[in-house]
Amino acid sequence: MKNLKSYIENTTEAGCACLITMVQGNVLAITISHLLIATQTGIIAGVIAATTILSFKIKNLWMISLSIGVVTAITDYFVHTGKFGLSVFTEAAVTGAGAALLFFVFHFVISKLQKNKFMQE
């Protein structure tokens, strides 16, 4: 069950980061095309990142974040060409950074919720 959770979490982080970066934060501009590209990026990056993290038994949060960020950036670069920034790598780099940041946000929120639940029992 924990392995499945890792795959779902990493896929969601990569996909959300890609989607938000593609529309440059303007969620009203999201189209079906954006959703399809973000889903493709999320699935590929999420599976690769989760497999890497689980295979190497990475426990350090910084290393997990770095893994998700790097894999998402590389996947984003190959799935579609960037449309903003100084080079074609800019959007992919921002997407990778966004995925790494989402990992920390998800981890922080989940740990806080679990701590509050534990304290209430």
Protein backbone atom coordinates (compact mmCIF):
# COMPACT_ATOMS: atom_id res chain seq x y z
CA MET A 1 0.00 0.00 0.00
CA LYS A 2 2.86 2.36 0.82
CA ASN A 3 4.38 1.75 -2.62
CA LEU A 4 1.10 2.62 -4.34
CA LYS A 5 0.88 5.79 -2.24
CA SER A 6 4.36 6.83 -3.45
CA TYR A 7 3.40 6.32 -7.10
CA ILE A 8 0.16 8.29 -6.73
CA GLU A 9 1.84 11.08 -4.78
CA ASN A 10 4.75 11.51 -7.22
CA THR A 11 2.48 11.34 -10.26
CA THR A 12 0.18 13.99 -8.78
CA GLU A 13 3.06 16.30 -7.86
CA ALA A 14 4.66 16.08 -11.30
CA GLY A 15 1.35 16.45 -13.16
CA CYS A 16 0.15 19.42 -11.10
CA ALA A 17 3.49 21.20 -11.43
CA CYS A 18 3.44 20.69 -15.19
CA LEU A 19 -0.15 21.89 -15.56
CA ILE A 20 0.35 25.03 -13.48
CA THR A 21 3.62 25.87 -15.24
CA MET A 22 2.19 25.38 -18.73
CA VAL A 23 -0.54 27.95 -18.14
CA GLN A 24 1.87 30.15 -16.17
CA GLY A 25 -0.39 30.11 -13.12
CA ASN A 26 -3.54 31.15 -15.01
CA VAL A 27 -5.84 28.24 -14.14
CA LEU A 28 -8.60 29.76 -16.28
CA ALA A 29 -6.45 29.07 -19.35
CA ILE A 30 -6.36 25.28 -18.79
CA THR A 31 -7.57 23.31 -21.81
CA ILE A 32 -8.00 19.61 -22.56
CA SER A 33 -4.67 19.73 -24.40
CA HIS A 34 -2.95 21.08 -21.27
CA LEU A 35 -4.56 18.35 -19.16
CA LEU A 36 -3.42 15.61 -21.56
CA ILE A 37 0.17 16.86 -21.67
CA ALA A 38 0.30 17.33 -17.88
CA THR A 39 -1.16 13.85 -17.34
CA GLN A 40 1.42 12.31 -19.66
CA THR A 41 4.26 14.19 -17.94
CA GLY A 42 2.90 13.32 -14.49
CA ILE A 43 2.52 9.61 -15.17
CA ILE A 44 5.94 9.19 -16.76
CA ALA A 45 7.79 11.33 -14.19
CA GLY A 46 5.83 9.92 -11.24
CA VAL A 47 6.51 6.31 -12.16
CA ILE A 48 10.21 6.93 -12.80
CA ALA A 49 10.66 8.99 -9.62
CA ALA A 50 8.74 6.57 -7.38
CA THR A 51 10.56 3.56 -8.81
CA THR A 52 13.91 5.28 -8.27
CA ILE A 53 13.04 6.33 -4.70
CA LEU A 54 11.70 2.90 -3.76
CA SER A 55 14.50 0.96 -5.50
CA PHE A 56 17.28 2.89 -3.80
CA LYS A 57 15.32 3.10 -0.51
CA ILE A 58 15.79 6.87 -0.30
CA LYS A 59 14.51 8.21 3.03
CA ASN A 60 16.01 11.71 3.12
CA LEU A 61 13.32 14.28 2.26
CA TRP A 62 15.79 16.52 0.41
CA MET A 63 16.95 13.63 -1.78
CA ILE A 64 13.36 12.57 -2.51
CA SER A 65 12.50 16.15 -3.46
CA LEU A 66 15.58 16.42 -5.64
CA SER A 67 14.75 13.12 -7.36
CA ILE A 68 11.18 14.20 -8.10
CA GLY A 69 12.33 17.60 -9.34
CA VAL A 70 15.07 16.31 -11.65
CA VAL A 71 12.96 13.50 -13.10
CA THR A 72 10.02 15.87 -13.67
CA ALA A 73 12.24 18.47 -15.37
CA ILE A 74 13.78 15.91 -17.72
CA THR A 75 10.42 14.32 -18.51
CA ASP A 76 8.79 17.70 -19.12
CA TYR A 77 11.56 18.67 -21.52
CA PHE A 78 11.05 15.53 -23.60
CA VAL A 79 7.23 15.45 -23.49
CA HIS A 80 6.72 18.97 -24.88
CA THR A 81 8.70 22.03 -25.84
CA GLY A 82 8.78 24.99 -23.48
CA LYS A 83 6.91 28.14 -24.36
CA PHE A 84 8.36 30.72 -21.98
CA GLY A 85 11.67 31.93 -20.64
CA LEU A 86 15.06 32.46 -22.14
CA SER A 87 15.55 28.95 -23.50
CA VAL A 88 13.61 25.76 -24.16
CA PHE A 89 14.91 24.42 -20.83
CA THR A 90 13.32 27.18 -18.72
CA GLU A 91 9.80 25.73 -18.56
CA ALA A 92 11.16 22.26 -17.80
CA ALA A 93 13.34 23.63 -14.99
CA VAL A 94 10.45 25.59 -13.48
CA THR A 95 8.22 22.51 -13.71
CA GLY A 96 10.85 20.40 -11.92
CA ALA A 97 11.25 23.02 -9.20
CA GLY A 98 7.47 23.15 -8.82
CA ALA A 99 7.23 19.38 -8.42
CA ALA A 100 9.98 19.43 -5.78
CA LEU A 101 8.18 22.23 -3.93
CA LEU A 102 4.84 20.39 -4.13
CA PHE A 103 6.50 17.37 -2.53
CA PHE A 104 7.46 19.48 0.48
CA VAL A 105 4.02 21.10 0.69
CA PHE A 106 2.23 17.72 0.53
CA HIS A 107 4.64 16.18 3.03
CA PHE A 108 4.29 19.11 5.44
CA VAL A 109 0.47 19.18 5.28
CA ILE A 110 0.14 15.41 5.64
CA SER A 111 2.54 15.28 8.58
CA LYS A 112 0.66 18.13 10.30
CA LEU A 113 -2.69 16.39 9.75
CA GLN A 114 -1.32 13.11 11.09
CA LYS A 115 0.16 14.87 14.12
CA ASN A 116 -3.16 16.59 14.88
CA LYS A 117 -5.05 13.33 14.50
CA PHE A 118 -2.60 11.58 16.84
CA MET A 119 -2.89 14.33 19.43
CA GLN A 120 -6.70 14.16 19.41
CA GLU A 121 -6.78 10.42 20.16
